[in-house]
Every structure is written in C-alpha cells, then in structure tokens.
C-alpha atoms as a PDB file:
ATOM      1  CA  MET A   1     127.166  21.840  23.031  1.00  0.00           C
ATOM      2  CA  PRO A   2     123.558  22.496  24.093  1.00  0.00           C
ATOM      3  CA  LEU A   3     121.197  20.633  26.339  1.00  0.00           C
ATOM      4  CA  ILE A   4     117.824  20.919  24.606  1.00  0.00           C
ATOM      5  CA  VAL A   5     114.738  20.269  26.744  1.00  0.00           C
ATOM      6  CA  VAL A   6     111.577  19.422  24.785  1.00  0.00           C
ATOM      7  CA  THR A   7     108.353  19.994  26.715  1.00  0.00           C
ATOM      8  CA  THR A   8     104.865  18.832  25.775  1.00  0.00           C
ATOM      9  CA  SER A   9     101.354  19.382  27.074  1.00  0.00           C
ATOM     10  CA  PRO A  10      99.427  16.370  28.404  1.00  0.00           C
ATOM     11  CA  ARG A  11      96.278  18.112  27.130  1.00  0.00           C
ATOM     12  CA  VAL A  12      97.394  17.938  23.492  1.00  0.00           C
ATOM     13  CA  ALA A  13      97.247  14.670  21.577  1.00  0.00           C
ATOM     14  CA  PRO A  14     100.706  13.016  21.596  1.00  0.00           C
ATOM     15  CA  GLY A  15     102.500  13.281  18.285  1.00  0.00           C
ATOM     16  CA  LEU A  16     101.200  16.778  17.566  1.00  0.00           C
ATOM     17  CA  LEU A  17     104.492  18.600  17.969  1.00  0.00           C
ATOM     18  CA  SER A  18     105.986  21.805  16.661  1.00  0.00           C
ATOM     19  CA  ARG A  19     108.309  21.658  13.673  1.00  0.00           C
ATOM     20  CA  ARG A  20     111.252  22.738  15.837  1.00  0.00           C
ATOM     21  CA  ALA A  21     110.531  19.965  18.356  1.00  0.00           C
ATOM     22  CA  TRP A  22     110.486  17.271  15.656  1.00  0.00           C
ATOM     23  CA  GLN A  23     113.700  18.700  14.254  1.00  0.00           C
ATOM     24  CA  VAL A  24     115.685  18.517  17.510  1.00  0.00           C
ATOM     25  CA  LEU A  25     114.249  15.096  18.382  1.00  0.00           C
ATOM     26  CA  GLN A  26     115.463  13.738  15.048  1.00  0.00           C
ATOM     27  CA  GLU A  27     118.926  15.160  15.694  1.00  0.00           C
ATOM     28  CA  GLY A  28     119.160  13.379  19.092  1.00  0.00           C
ATOM     29  CA  PRO A  29     120.335  11.650  21.120  1.00  0.00           C
ATOM     30  CA  VAL A  30     117.068  11.707  23.081  1.00  0.00           C
ATOM     31  CA  LEU A  31     116.919  10.915  26.798  1.00  0.00           C
ATOM     32  CA  THR A  32     113.976  10.766  29.200  1.00  0.00           C
ATOM     33  CA  GLN A  33     113.174   9.473  32.657  1.00  0.00           C
ATOM     34  CA  ALA A  34     109.519   8.793  31.755  1.00  0.00           C
ATOM     35  CA  ALA A  35     109.345   5.206  30.526  1.00  0.00           C
ATOM     36  CA  GLY A  36     105.612   5.602  29.933  1.00  0.00           C
ATOM     37  CA  HIS A  37     105.755   8.952  28.124  1.00  0.00           C
ATOM     38  CA  PRO A  38     102.833   9.033  25.644  1.00  0.00           C
ATOM     39  CA  LEU A  39     105.104  10.408  22.910  1.00  0.00           C
ATOM     40  CA  LEU A  40     107.410   7.359  22.840  1.00  0.00           C
ATOM     41  CA  PRO A  41     105.318   5.227  20.419  1.00  0.00           C
ATOM     42  CA  TYR A  42     105.193   8.128  17.952  1.00  0.00           C
ATOM     43  CA  LEU A  43     108.936   8.661  18.179  1.00  0.00           C
ATOM     44  CA  ALA A  44     109.530   4.942  17.632  1.00  0.00           C
ATOM     45  CA  GLU A  45     107.248   5.039  14.603  1.00  0.00           C
ATOM     46  CA  ALA A  46     109.383   7.907  13.246  1.00  0.00           C
ATOM     47  CA  GLY A  47     112.558   5.869  13.827  1.00  0.00           C
ATOM     48  CA  ILE A  48     113.770   8.014  16.738  1.00  0.00           C
ATOM     49  CA  ALA A  49     115.475   6.040  19.518  1.00  0.00           C
ATOM     50  CA  VAL A  50     114.862   7.209  23.095  1.00  0.00           C
ATOM     51  CA  GLU A  51     117.053   6.169  26.019  1.00  0.00           C
ATOM     52  CA  VAL A  52     115.231   5.885  29.349  1.00  0.00           C
ATOM     53  CA  VAL A  53     117.589   6.913  32.136  1.00  0.00           C
ATOM     54  CA  THR A  54     117.479   8.002  35.754  1.00  0.00           C
ATOM     55  CA  ALA A  55     117.405  11.783  35.960  1.00  0.00           C
ATOM     56  CA  ASP A  56     120.807  12.898  37.230  1.00  0.00           C
ATOM     57  CA  PRO A  57     121.122  16.653  36.636  1.00  0.00           C
ATOM     58  CA  ALA A  58     124.914  16.733  37.149  1.00  0.00           C
ATOM     59  CA  ALA A  59     125.516  13.817  34.759  1.00  0.00           C
ATOM     60  CA  LEU A  60     123.114  15.332  32.245  1.00  0.00           C
ATOM     61  CA  VAL A  61     124.882  18.676  32.015  1.00  0.00           C
ATOM     62  CA  ARG A  62     128.331  17.014  31.919  1.00  0.00           C
ATOM     63  CA  ARG A  63     127.215  14.886  28.975  1.00  0.00           C
ATOM     64  CA  ALA A  64     125.921  18.013  27.246  1.00  0.00           C
ATOM     65  CA  GLN A  65     129.437  19.471  27.447  1.00  0.00           C
ATOM     66  CA  GLY A  66     130.608  16.862  24.946  1.00  0.00           C
ATOM     67  CA  GLU A  67     127.598  16.404  22.656  1.00  0.00           C
ATOM     68  CA  ASP A  68     124.170  17.720  21.871  1.00  0.00           C
ATOM     69  CA  VAL A  69     121.639  16.142  24.216  1.00  0.00           C
ATOM     70  CA  VAL A  70     117.852  16.254  23.893  1.00  0.00           C
ATOM     71  CA  TRP A  71     115.916  15.710  27.108  1.00  0.00           C
ATOM     72  CA  LEU A  72     112.252  14.819  26.704  1.00  0.00           C
ATOM     73  CA  GLU A  73     110.019  16.423  29.341  1.00  0.00           C
ATOM     74  CA  ALA A  74     111.067  17.985  32.612  1.00  0.00           C
ATOM     75  CA  ASP A  75     109.292  19.213  35.700  1.00  0.00           C
ATOM     76  CA  GLU A  76     110.120  22.472  37.446  1.00  0.00           C
ATOM     77  CA  ALA A  77     112.182  20.826  40.194  1.00  0.00           C
ATOM     78  CA  LEU A  78     114.373  18.967  37.689  1.00  0.00           C
ATOM     79  CA  MET A  79     114.943  22.116  35.659  1.00  0.00           C
ATOM     80  CA  ARG A  80     116.090  23.981  38.785  1.00  0.00           C
ATOM     81  CA  SER A  81     118.496  21.164  39.614  1.00  0.00           C
ATOM     82  CA  VAL A  82     119.851  21.162  36.047  1.00  0.00           C
ATOM     83  CA  GLY A  83     120.398  24.910  36.262  1.00  0.00           C
ATOM     84  CA  HIS A  84     122.285  24.637  39.545  1.00  0.00           C
ATOM     85  CA  ALA A  85     124.421  21.792  38.170  1.00  0.00           C
ATOM     86  CA  ALA A  86     125.253  23.827  35.053  1.00  0.00           C
ATOM     87  CA  LEU A  87     126.262  26.882  37.082  1.00  0.00           C
ATOM     88  CA  ALA A  88     128.669  24.732  39.097  1.00  0.00           C
ATOM     89  CA  LEU A  89     130.690  23.962  35.941  1.00  0.00           C
ATOM     90  CA  ASP A  90     133.476  26.184  34.652  1.00  0.00           C
ATOM     91  CA  GLU A  91     132.069  25.990  31.132  1.00  0.00           C
ATOM     92  CA  PRO A  92     128.355  25.220  31.456  1.00  0.00           C
ATOM     93  CA  PRO A  93     126.522  24.029  28.341  1.00  0.00           C
ATOM     94  CA  LEU A  94     123.857  26.113  26.657  1.00  0.00           C
ATOM     95  CA  ILE A  95     120.404  25.074  27.889  1.00  0.00           C
ATOM     96  CA  GLU A  96     117.509  25.598  25.485  1.00  0.00           C
ATOM     97  CA  VAL A  97     113.845  24.843  26.116  1.00  0.00           C
ATOM     98  CA  VAL A  98     111.814  23.904  23.034  1.00  0.00           C
ATOM     99  CA  PRO A  99     108.030  23.747  23.559  1.00  0.00           C
ATOM    100  CA  GLY A 100     106.770  20.771  21.602  1.00  0.00           C
ATOM    101  CA  SER A 101     103.110  21.570  22.172  1.00  0.00           C
ATOM    102  CA  TYR A 102     101.202  24.367  23.850  1.00  0.00           C
ATOM    103  CA  ASP A 103      98.001  24.441  25.850  1.00  0.00           C
ATOM    104  CA  LEU A 104      95.267  26.201  23.899  1.00  0.00           C
ATOM    105  CA  PRO A 105      92.744  28.409  25.736  1.00  0.00           C
ATOM    106  CA  GLY A 106      90.325  26.106  27.540  1.00  0.00           C
ATOM    107  CA  ALA A 107      92.805  23.234  27.772  1.00  0.00           C
ATOM    108  CA  ARG A 108      92.407  22.995  31.541  1.00  0.00           C
ATOM    109  CA  LEU A 109      88.765  22.066  31.004  1.00  0.00           C
ATOM    110  CA  LEU A 110      90.079  18.682  29.897  1.00  0.00           C
ATOM    111  CA  ASP A 111      91.555  18.270  33.373  1.00  0.00           C
ATOM    112  CA  LEU A 112      88.178  19.087  34.911  1.00  0.00           C
ATOM    113  CA  VAL A 113      86.490  16.447  32.754  1.00  0.00           C
ATOM    114  CA  SER A 114      89.151  13.924  33.756  1.00  0.00           C
ATOM    115  CA  VAL A 115      88.792  14.714  37.464  1.00  0.00           C
ATOM    116  CA  MET A 116      84.996  14.407  37.192  1.00  0.00           C
ATOM    117  CA  ASP A 117      85.407  10.974  35.598  1.00  0.00           C
ATOM    118  CA  ARG A 118      87.572   9.883  38.539  1.00  0.00           C
ATOM    119  CA  LEU A 119      85.087  11.216  41.068  1.00  0.00           C
ATOM    120  CA  ARG A 120      82.122   9.582  39.350  1.00  0.00           C
ATOM    121  CA  THR A 121      83.804   6.161  39.439  1.00  0.00           C
ATOM    122  CA  GLY A 122      85.885   6.450  42.608  1.00  0.00           C
ATOM    123  CA  CYS A 123      83.787   8.420  45.110  1.00  0.00           C
ATOM    124  CA  PRO A 124      80.637   6.780  46.547  1.00  0.00           C
ATOM    125  CA  TRP A 125      78.896  10.141  47.040  1.00  0.00           C
ATOM    126  CA  ASP A 126      79.583  11.372  43.506  1.00  0.00           C
ATOM    127  CA  ALA A 127      78.661   7.987  42.050  1.00  0.00           C
ATOM    128  CA  LYS A 128      75.109   8.036  43.461  1.00  0.00           C
ATOM    129  CA  GLN A 129      74.156  11.568  42.383  1.00  0.00           C
ATOM    130  CA  THR A 130      71.393  12.197  39.845  1.00  0.00           C
ATOM    131  CA  HIS A 131      70.203  15.260  37.949  1.00  0.00           C
ATOM    132  CA  GLU A 132      67.471  15.641  40.551  1.00  0.00           C
ATOM    133  CA  SER A 133      69.761  15.350  43.571  1.00  0.00           C
ATOM    134  CA  LEU A 134      72.142  17.947  42.116  1.00  0.00           C
ATOM    135  CA  VAL A 135      69.484  20.628  41.561  1.00  0.00           C
ATOM    136  CA  PRO A 136      69.930  22.314  44.977  1.00  0.00           C
ATOM    137  CA  TYR A 137      73.685  22.625  44.399  1.00  0.00           C
ATOM    138  CA  LEU A 138      73.163  24.090  40.930  1.00  0.00           C
ATOM    139  CA  LEU A 139      70.877  26.779  42.312  1.00  0.00           C
ATOM    140  CA  GLU A 140      73.113  27.433  45.313  1.00  0.00           C
ATOM    141  CA  GLU A 141      76.232  27.866  43.178  1.00  0.00           C
ATOM    142  CA  ALA A 142      74.390  30.160  40.742  1.00  0.00           C
ATOM    143  CA  TYR A 143      73.258  32.390  43.600  1.00  0.00           C
ATOM    144  CA  GLU A 144      76.779  32.449  45.055  1.00  0.00           C
ATOM    145  CA  VAL A 145      78.092  33.662  41.698  1.00  0.00           C
ATOM    146  CA  LEU A 146      75.387  36.333  41.705  1.00  0.00           C
ATOM    147  CA  GLU A 147      76.360  37.438  45.210  1.00  0.00           C
ATOM    148  CA  THR A 148      80.043  37.878  44.347  1.00  0.00           C
ATOM    149  CA  ILE A 149      79.093  39.970  41.298  1.00  0.00           C
ATOM    150  CA  GLU A 150      76.706  42.136  43.308  1.00  0.00           C
ATOM    151  CA  GLU A 151      79.340  42.694  45.980  1.00  0.00           C
ATOM    152  CA  GLY A 152      82.067  43.401  43.442  1.00  0.00           C
ATOM    153  CA  ASP A 153      84.228  40.615  44.887  1.00  0.00           C
ATOM    154  CA  HIS A 154      86.118  39.768  41.713  1.00  0.00           C
ATOM    155  CA  ALA A 155      88.698  37.679  43.553  1.00  0.00           C
ATOM    156  CA  ALA A 156      85.959  35.352  44.844  1.00  0.00           C
ATOM    157  CA  LEU A 157      84.193  35.329  41.467  1.00  0.00           C
ATOM    158  CA  ARG A 158      86.872  33.100  39.969  1.00  0.00           C
ATOM    159  CA  GLU A 159      86.282  30.400  42.584  1.00  0.00           C
ATOM    160  CA  GLU A 160      82.498  30.659  42.451  1.00  0.00           C
ATOM    161  CA  LEU A 161      82.469  30.379  38.651  1.00  0.00           C
ATOM    162  CA  GLY A 162      84.552  27.224  39.031  1.00  0.00           C
ATOM    163  CA  ASP A 163      81.965  25.780  41.428  1.00  0.00           C
ATOM    164  CA  LEU A 164      79.214  26.593  38.931  1.00  0.00           C
ATOM    165  CA  MET A 165      81.222  25.112  36.061  1.00  0.00           C
ATOM    166  CA  LEU A 166      81.568  21.901  38.053  1.00  0.00           C
ATOM    167  CA  GLN A 167      77.778  21.579  38.125  1.00  0.00           C
ATOM    168  CA  VAL A 168      77.620  21.676  34.312  1.00  0.00           C
ATOM    169  CA  VAL A 169      80.374  19.069  34.004  1.00  0.00           C
ATOM    170  CA  PHE A 170      78.757  16.954  36.743  1.00  0.00           C
ATOM    171  CA  HIS A 171      75.352  16.907  35.011  1.00  0.00           C
ATOM    172  CA  ALA A 172      77.006  16.022  31.694  1.00  0.00           C
ATOM    173  CA  ARG A 173      78.870  13.156  33.389  1.00  0.00           C
ATOM    174  CA  VAL A 174      75.651  11.848  34.943  1.00  0.00           C
ATOM    175  CA  ALA A 175      74.001  11.956  31.508  1.00  0.00           C
ATOM    176  CA  ARG A 176      76.881  10.006  29.997  1.00  0.00           C
ATOM    177  CA  ASP A 177      75.938   7.014  32.137  1.00  0.00           C
ATOM    178  CA  ARG A 178      72.573   6.769  30.384  1.00  0.00           C
ATOM    179  CA  PRO A 179      72.191   4.843  27.099  1.00  0.00           C
ATOM    180  CA  ASP A 180      71.681   6.958  23.990  1.00  0.00           C
ATOM    181  CA  ALA A 181      68.150   5.588  23.705  1.00  0.00           C
ATOM    182  CA  GLU A 182      67.379   7.147  27.093  1.00  0.00           C
ATOM    183  CA  GLY A 183      68.727  10.568  26.235  1.00  0.00           C
ATOM    184  CA  GLY A 184      72.345  10.015  27.130  1.00  0.00           C
ATOM    185  CA  PHE A 185      74.933  12.615  26.169  1.00  0.00           C
ATOM    186  CA  ASP A 186      78.345  13.835  27.318  1.00  0.00           C
ATOM    187  CA  ILE A 187      80.206  17.096  27.825  1.00  0.00           C
ATOM    188  CA  ASP A 188      81.225  17.240  24.164  1.00  0.00           C
ATOM    189  CA  ASP A 189      77.557  17.063  23.143  1.00  0.00           C
ATOM    190  CA  VAL A 190      76.815  19.935  25.518  1.00  0.00           C
ATOM    191  CA  ALA A 191      79.649  22.033  24.099  1.00  0.00           C
ATOM    192  CA  ASP A 192      78.716  21.139  20.522  1.00  0.00           C
ATOM    193  CA  ALA A 193      75.120  22.277  21.050  1.00  0.00           C
ATOM    194  CA  ILE A 194      76.019  25.669  22.485  1.00  0.00           C
ATOM    195  CA  VAL A 195      78.737  26.287  19.886  1.00  0.00           C
ATOM    196  CA  ALA A 196      76.280  25.524  17.081  1.00  0.00           C
ATOM    197  CA  LYS A 197      73.665  27.806  18.665  1.00  0.00           C
ATOM    198  CA  LEU A 198      76.086  30.714  19.123  1.00  0.00           C
ATOM    199  CA  VAL A 199      77.355  30.446  15.549  1.00  0.00           C
ATOM    200  CA  ARG A 200      73.811  30.174  14.194  1.00  0.00           C
ATOM    201  CA  ARG A 201      72.579  33.185  16.157  1.00  0.00           C
ATOM    202  CA  HIS A 202      75.553  35.407  15.265  1.00  0.00           C
ATOM    203  CA  PRO A 203      75.567  35.484  11.460  1.00  0.00           C
ATOM    204  CA  HIS A 204      77.034  39.002  11.652  1.00  0.00           C
ATOM    205  CA  VAL A 205      80.152  37.419  13.200  1.00  0.00           C
ATOM    206  CA  PHE A 206      80.372  33.991  11.554  1.00  0.00           C
ATOM    207  CA  ALA A 207      78.678  34.747   8.209  1.00  0.00           C
ATOM    208  CA  ASP A 208      78.247  37.697   5.863  1.00  0.00           C
ATOM    209  CA  VAL A 209      75.278  39.396   7.560  1.00  0.00           C
ATOM    210  CA  ARG A 210      75.880  43.102   8.261  1.00  0.00           C
ATOM    211  CA  VAL A 211      74.428  44.932  11.264  1.00  0.00           C
ATOM    212  CA  GLU A 212      74.541  48.566  12.341  1.00  0.00           C
ATOM    213  CA  GLY A 213      74.375  48.160  16.099  1.00  0.00           C
ATOM    214  CA  ALA A 214      73.325  46.149  19.159  1.00  0.00           C
ATOM    215  CA  GLU A 215      69.602  46.765  18.542  1.00  0.00           C
ATOM    216  CA  GLU A 216      69.788  45.189  15.101  1.00  0.00           C
ATOM    217  CA  VAL A 217      71.699  42.247  16.566  1.00  0.00           C
ATOM    218  CA  SER A 218      68.836  41.751  19.048  1.00  0.00           C
ATOM    219  CA  ASP A 219      66.232  41.917  16.257  1.00  0.00           C
ATOM    220  CA  ASN A 220      68.097  39.321  14.203  1.00  0.00           C
ATOM    221  CA  TRP A 221      68.399  37.133  17.292  1.00  0.00           C
ATOM    222  CA  GLU A 222      64.619  37.062  17.713  1.00  0.00           C
ATOM    223  CA  VAL A 223      64.065  36.239  14.039  1.00  0.00           C
ATOM    224  CA  ILE A 224      66.531  33.361  14.244  1.00  0.00           C
ATOM    225  CA  LYS A 225      64.946  32.048  17.462  1.00  0.00           C
ATOM    226  CA  ALA A 226      61.511  32.128  15.817  1.00  0.00           C
ATOM    227  CA  ALA A 227      62.890  30.086  12.924  1.00  0.00           C
ATOM    228  CA  GLU A 228      64.377  27.612  15.400  1.00  0.00           C
ATOM    229  CA  ARG A 229      61.011  27.216  17.139  1.00  0.00           C
ATOM    230  CA  ALA A 230      59.326  26.609  13.803  1.00  0.00           C
ATOM    231  CA  ALA A 231      61.909  23.970  12.910  1.00  0.00           C
ATOM    232  CA  LYS A 232      61.288  22.188  16.222  1.00  0.00           C
ATOM    233  CA  ASN A 233      57.491  22.341  15.865  1.00  0.00           C
ATOM    234  CA  ALA A 234      57.115  21.109  12.282  1.00  0.00           C
ATOM    235  CA  GLY A 235      56.651  24.577  10.842  1.00  0.00           C
ATOM    236  CA  ASP A 236      54.636  26.011  13.740  1.00  0.00           C
ATOM    237  CA  ALA A 237      56.461  29.054  15.081  1.00  0.00           C
ATOM    238  CA  GLY A 238      54.983  28.366  18.516  1.00  0.00           C
ATOM    239  CA  SER A 239      54.857  31.063  21.179  1.00  0.00           C
ATOM    240  CA  VAL A 240      57.378  33.786  21.839  1.00  0.00           C
ATOM    241  CA  LEU A 241      57.143  32.634  25.465  1.00  0.00           C
ATOM    242  CA  ASP A 242      58.351  29.120  24.660  1.00  0.00           C
ATOM    243  CA  GLY A 243      61.464  28.347  26.652  1.00  0.00           C
ATOM    244  CA  VAL A 244      60.789  30.763  29.506  1.00  0.00           C
ATOM    245  CA  PRO A 245      61.565  28.748  32.677  1.00  0.00           C
ATOM    246  CA  MET A 246      58.455  29.032  34.819  1.00  0.00           C
ATOM    247  CA  GLY A 247      60.302  27.742  37.895  1.00  0.00           C
ATOM    248  CA  GLN A 248      62.463  30.840  38.290  1.00  0.00           C
ATOM    249  CA  PRO A 249      61.795  33.450  41.020  1.00  0.00           C
ATOM    250  CA  ALA A 250      58.551  35.310  40.423  1.00  0.00           C
ATOM    251  CA  LEU A 251      60.018  38.761  39.804  1.00  0.00           C
ATOM    252  CA  SER A 252      62.544  37.554  37.260  1.00  0.00           C
ATOM    253  CA  LEU A 253      59.804  35.414  35.664  1.00  0.00           C
ATOM    254  CA  ALA A 254      57.539  38.436  35.245  1.00  0.00           C
ATOM    255  CA  ALA A 255      60.424  40.486  33.839  1.00  0.00           C
ATOM    256  CA  GLN A 256      61.334  37.813  31.282  1.00  0.00           C
ATOM    257  CA  LEU A 257      57.701  37.340  30.223  1.00  0.00           C
ATOM    258  CA  LEU A 258      57.387  41.102  29.715  1.00  0.00           C
ATOM    259  CA  ARG A 259      60.571  41.272  27.652  1.00  0.00           C
ATOM    260  CA  ARG A 260      59.450  38.434  25.414  1.00  0.00           C
ATOM    261  CA  ALA A 261      55.900  39.795  25.032  1.00  0.00           C
ATOM    262  CA  ASP A 262      57.167  43.288  24.214  1.00  0.00           C
ATOM    263  CA  ARG A 263      59.330  41.920  21.427  1.00  0.00           C
ATOM    264  CA  ALA A 264      56.256  40.222  19.968  1.00  0.00           C
ATOM    265  CA  GLY A 265      54.239  43.452  20.229  1.00  0.00           C
ATOM    266  CA  ALA A 266      51.734  42.113  22.767  1.00  0.00           C
ATOM    267  CA  PRO A 267      49.292  44.819  23.969  1.00  0.00           C
ATOM    268  CA  ALA A 268      49.693  46.088  27.521  1.00  0.00           C
ATOM    269  CA  ALA A 269      46.041  45.254  28.217  1.00  0.00           C
ATOM    270  CA  LEU A 270      47.029  41.573  28.440  1.00  0.00           C
ATOM    271  CA  GLU A 271      49.194  42.131  31.487  1.00  0.00           C
ATOM    272  CA  ALA A 272      46.648  42.295  34.304  1.00  0.00           C
ATOM    273  CA  PRO A 273      42.898  41.717  34.166  1.00  0.00           C
ATOM    274  CA  ALA A 274      40.802  44.070  36.251  1.00  0.00           C
ATOM    275  CA  ALA A 275      40.646  42.895  39.848  1.00  0.00           C
ATOM    276  CA  PRO A 276      37.128  42.387  41.227  1.00  0.00           C
ATOM    277  CA  GLU A 277      36.074  44.666  44.035  1.00  0.00           C
ATOM    278  CA  ALA A 278      36.154  43.024  47.434  1.00  0.00           C
ATOM    279  CA  PRO A 279      32.772  42.584  49.112  1.00  0.00           C
ATOM    280  CA  ALA A 280      32.312  44.867  52.098  1.00  0.00           C
ATOM    281  CA  GLY A 281      33.792  43.484  55.281  1.00  0.00           C
ATOM    282  CA  THR A 282      35.824  40.686  53.665  1.00  0.00           C
ATOM    283  CA  GLY A 283      39.237  42.261  53.985  1.00  0.00           C
ATOM    284  CA  PRO A 284      41.411  42.615  57.052  1.00  0.00           C
ATOM    285  CA  ALA A 285      40.570  45.465  59.338  1.00  0.00           C
ATOM    286  CA  GLY A 286      42.036  48.713  58.061  1.00  0.00           C
ATOM    287  CA  ALA A 287      43.063  47.185  54.720  1.00  0.00           C
ATOM    288  CA  GLU A 288      42.812  49.239  51.569  1.00  0.00           C
ATOM    289  CA  PRO A 289      40.048  48.047  49.225  1.00  0.00           C
ATOM    290  CA  ALA A 290      42.522  47.356  46.425  1.00  0.00           C
ATOM    291  CA  ALA A 291      44.658  45.142  48.655  1.00  0.00           C
ATOM    292  CA  ALA A 292      41.600  43.310  49.955  1.00  0.00           C
ATOM    293  CA  GLY A 293      40.510  42.594  46.387  1.00  0.00           C
ATOM    294  CA  GLY A 294      43.339  40.100  45.927  1.00  0.00           C
ATOM    295  CA  ASP A 295      45.106  42.071  43.168  1.00  0.00           C
ATOM    296  CA  LEU A 296      48.471  42.242  44.940  1.00  0.00           C
ATOM    297  CA  GLY A 297      50.034  40.052  42.245  1.00  0.00           C
ATOM    298  CA  ALA A 298      48.662  42.324  39.519  1.00  0.00           C
ATOM    299  CA  ARG A 299      50.053  45.401  41.254  1.00  0.00           C
ATOM    300  CA  LEU A 300      53.438  43.725  41.644  1.00  0.00           C
ATOM    301  CA  PHE A 301      53.309  42.872  37.948  1.00  0.00           C
ATOM    302  CA  ALA A 302      52.613  46.539  37.201  1.00  0.00           C
ATOM    303  CA  LEU A 303      55.698  47.479  39.240  1.00  0.00           C
ATOM    304  CA  VAL A 304      57.729  45.064  37.147  1.00  0.00           C
ATOM    305  CA  ARG A 305      56.407  46.803  34.029  1.00  0.00           C
ATOM    306  CA  GLN A 306      57.390  50.150  35.540  1.00  0.00           C
ATOM    307  CA  ALA A 307      60.906  48.915  36.204  1.00  0.00           C
ATOM    308  CA  HIS A 308      61.107  47.409  32.713  1.00  0.00           C
ATOM    309  CA  GLU A 309      60.150  50.714  31.093  1.00  0.00           C
ATOM    310  CA  ALA A 310      62.799  52.487  33.202  1.00  0.00           C
ATOM    311  CA  GLY A 311      65.444  50.033  32.015  1.00  0.00           C
ATOM    312  CA  LEU A 312      65.823  48.503  35.467  1.00  0.00           C
ATOM    313  CA  ASP A 313      65.992  44.884  36.585  1.00  0.00           C
ATOM    314  CA  PRO A 314      63.243  44.477  39.229  1.00  0.00           C
ATOM    315  CA  GLU A 315      64.946  41.445  40.746  1.00  0.00           C
ATOM    316  CA  ALA A 316      68.211  43.335  41.116  1.00  0.00           C
ATOM    317  CA  GLU A 317      66.442  46.421  42.454  1.00  0.00           C
ATOM    318  CA  LEU A 318      64.602  44.405  45.102  1.00  0.00           C
ATOM    319  CA  ARG A 319      67.798  42.587  46.034  1.00  0.00           C
ATOM    320  CA  ALA A 320      69.603  45.933  46.359  1.00  0.00           C
ATOM    321  CA  ALA A 321      66.835  47.201  48.633  1.00  0.00           C
ATOM    322  CA  ALA A 322      67.063  43.983  50.655  1.00  0.00           C
ATOM    323  CA  ARG A 323      70.831  44.367  51.034  1.00  0.00           C
ATOM    324  CA  ALA A 324      70.402  47.977  52.111  1.00  0.00           C
ATOM    325  CA  TYR A 325      67.814  46.855  54.669  1.00  0.00           C
ATOM    326  CA  ARG A 326      70.201  44.149  55.865  1.00  0.00           C
ATOM    327  CA  ASP A 327      72.914  46.753  56.400  1.00  0.00           C
ATOM    328  CA  ARG A 328      70.545  49.022  58.316  1.00  0.00           C
ATOM    329  CA  VAL A 329      69.501  46.152  60.571  1.00  0.00           C
ATOM    330  CA  ARG A 330      73.136  45.263  61.258  1.00  0.00           C
ATOM    331  CA  THR A 331      73.900  48.898  62.077  1.00  0.00           C
ATOM    332  CA  TRP A 332      70.933  48.966  64.446  1.00  0.00           C
ATOM    333  CA  GLU A 333      72.066  45.721  66.085  1.00  0.00           C
ATOM    334  CA  THR A 334      75.541  47.122  66.621  1.00  0.00           C
ATOM    335  CA  ARG A 335      74.120  50.309  68.090  1.00  0.00           C
ATOM    336  CA  GLU A 336      71.829  48.347  70.412  1.00  0.00           C
ATOM    337  CA  THR A 337      74.672  46.095  71.539  1.00  0.00           C
ATOM    338  CA  ARG A 338      76.814  49.107  72.393  1.00  0.00           C
ATOM    339  CA  HIS A 339      73.906  50.716  74.224  1.00  0.00           C
ATOM    340  CA  GLU A 340      73.360  47.596  76.315  1.00  0.00           C
ATOM    341  CA  GLY A 341      77.082  47.503  77.062  1.00  0.00           C
ATOM    342  CA  ASP A 342      77.035  51.108  78.220  1.00  0.00           C
ATOM    343  CA  GLU A 343      74.110  50.361  80.548  1.00  0.00           C
ATOM    344  CA  GLY A 344      75.972  47.381  81.953  1.00  0.00           C
ATOM    345  CA  ASP A 345      79.016  49.516  82.703  1.00  0.00           C
ATOM    346  CA  GLY A 346      76.810  51.902  84.652  1.00  0.00           C
END
C-alpha cells in the first residue's frame, strides 16, 4: 500500500491542482496536520473528507502498510522523518510524491509583494517613505548594479538586482496608498504597462510582422514609438527627444540625445554653436584661447559624438578610465607606504 504525499504551492491559487492530484485526493483517505490549509474548502466542496491529525511519521507509515493513505502537504523535515520511519520497517510502504501545483517562473515575486505589504504596514520606517524620499536609494542601487556588471562580479549581481527590484516594488506599494483620482496604482498596473509596451513594440515576435535583422527591429521600434507619441499628443508626433530624462549624468544625457537625433536625421550642425572668441586677457593665465572662450561643454559634446561614431559608450569609457586611474593611485599608495616602511626600518 502506498503513502501518497500531495504537495501544493502557496503561490498558486488553491483549487488549481493537477489531474493526478485530484485523482488521488478523491481516492483517499486524506490526512493533514494543517487545519487551516487553503485547499480544505475546495476539497469539502468536492465532497472529499480530510482528517486533521498530529503528524506522527511512524504512525503514518504503519497505517500506509494496511491501506492507501494520502497526506496533504509536507515540509522537508517531516518528509525526512517519514523516510527514516519507513526504513525502520521490515516491509516499508511505497512513498509517492504527487505535485498538486507548481511554481511558475516569477512566482517568487508574489512573495516579494507580500513582504513589501508587511513592511509598509508593520515597519515605521517603511511606512513613512515617499517616492521623493526613496530617490537616493533608487539611484544608489542602480549604480551598485552597474558596478557589479563592470567588475564582472556575477555572484554579487544577483543580490544587487534584488535590491534594485525592491525599489520598483517599494515605489509601486507607495503608489497603491494613493486614491485612483490622485494617480494611484499598484505593482500589477506597473507590470501590465510594461507587458503591453513590450508586446506592442515587438510585432515581429507577438504578431505577423517579419524582420530581417536587429537593424530592422530598431527601425520598427522607432516607428512604433513615434505612433505612441502621436497617440499621447492628440495626433502630434511631438519630438524624437520626448522622454529623454534630462536629470541623468551629463555624458549619458549627451549620448542619448545624439542617438535620438541621429535616428531622426538631425544635421550635425545643430550639435554645437560656434563659441565666441574670448576677449584678450579674460582667461586664466596660460589658458588656451579655446578653453577661455567657455566652449568646454561644446568640446565635450564633440567628444561624445566621436565616441558615438566609434560605437563606444562615453560614460562607460570615462568610467573605465576613472577605474584605471583609481588602480594606479592605489598602486602608488602601496608603493609609497612600503617606501616609508623601508625608511623607518633604516
């Protein structure tokens, strides 16, 4: 006689069980130690009686020697104890595990939403946060993700992405506290918006549009975005620069503006107006005339254009140079420290 253990996922709606699970539950008898198991009302509705008992692994396997027994839900510790109790018998019963429901990819996000709800209502610090107060943490976590990617620390990337994901869930939870009339929304609204956008902008994946390569995908993307801008602006396509966040770091801002303008075919002459010549004697001593003319920003913009044409990310290039400089400084510091130590020994 077998002992059949039916497991379920708390992240799947109760009652949504596999055909095999419903079959063994109907064959019974069904035992459980969880008097509040969310599946019990659905089993009662189906006419399946469930006996709530104290989990006794030895008694459970002995009973399974004489009849089929279905055990609803079991944690890892109980399953180990059941296994040990079965091995102690001369003729142990067959033990079968039947998954009643499985976690789908992304199911653990439901746990994150649930934890955030508890924090928002049970922690004084979390309860008082606003979108504005969370901004520094959002930026900090984004930069920490960037750092782990730049350093190739894939083990740390998992944790840092989790910290960044928390910020998205946190902002959505803060927004949920606002009435709909004041722009309230929740995490499902956030997910719904991005899913709709991704499907809309990938007709070659979700519809019957055919493309030949990544360049054509990019072209279609821009056409679709232009149509979206027109829909938002009552038929006015607006500017190709609409949506560029002007608060981002200057180098990445310049790079994004250039990318957008290039796609629209903007002439290069728009990039930097001619800098006026500096009057004699107005610049710092020894300064080059161009630098004294106040066109440093224009020259930096030209460097961004140069990087763009070379297929390089100016922000990443500058950060790489900064990291290399950091390493050289640390090497110098180590060398100096050793030199001072050698002098002290003398």
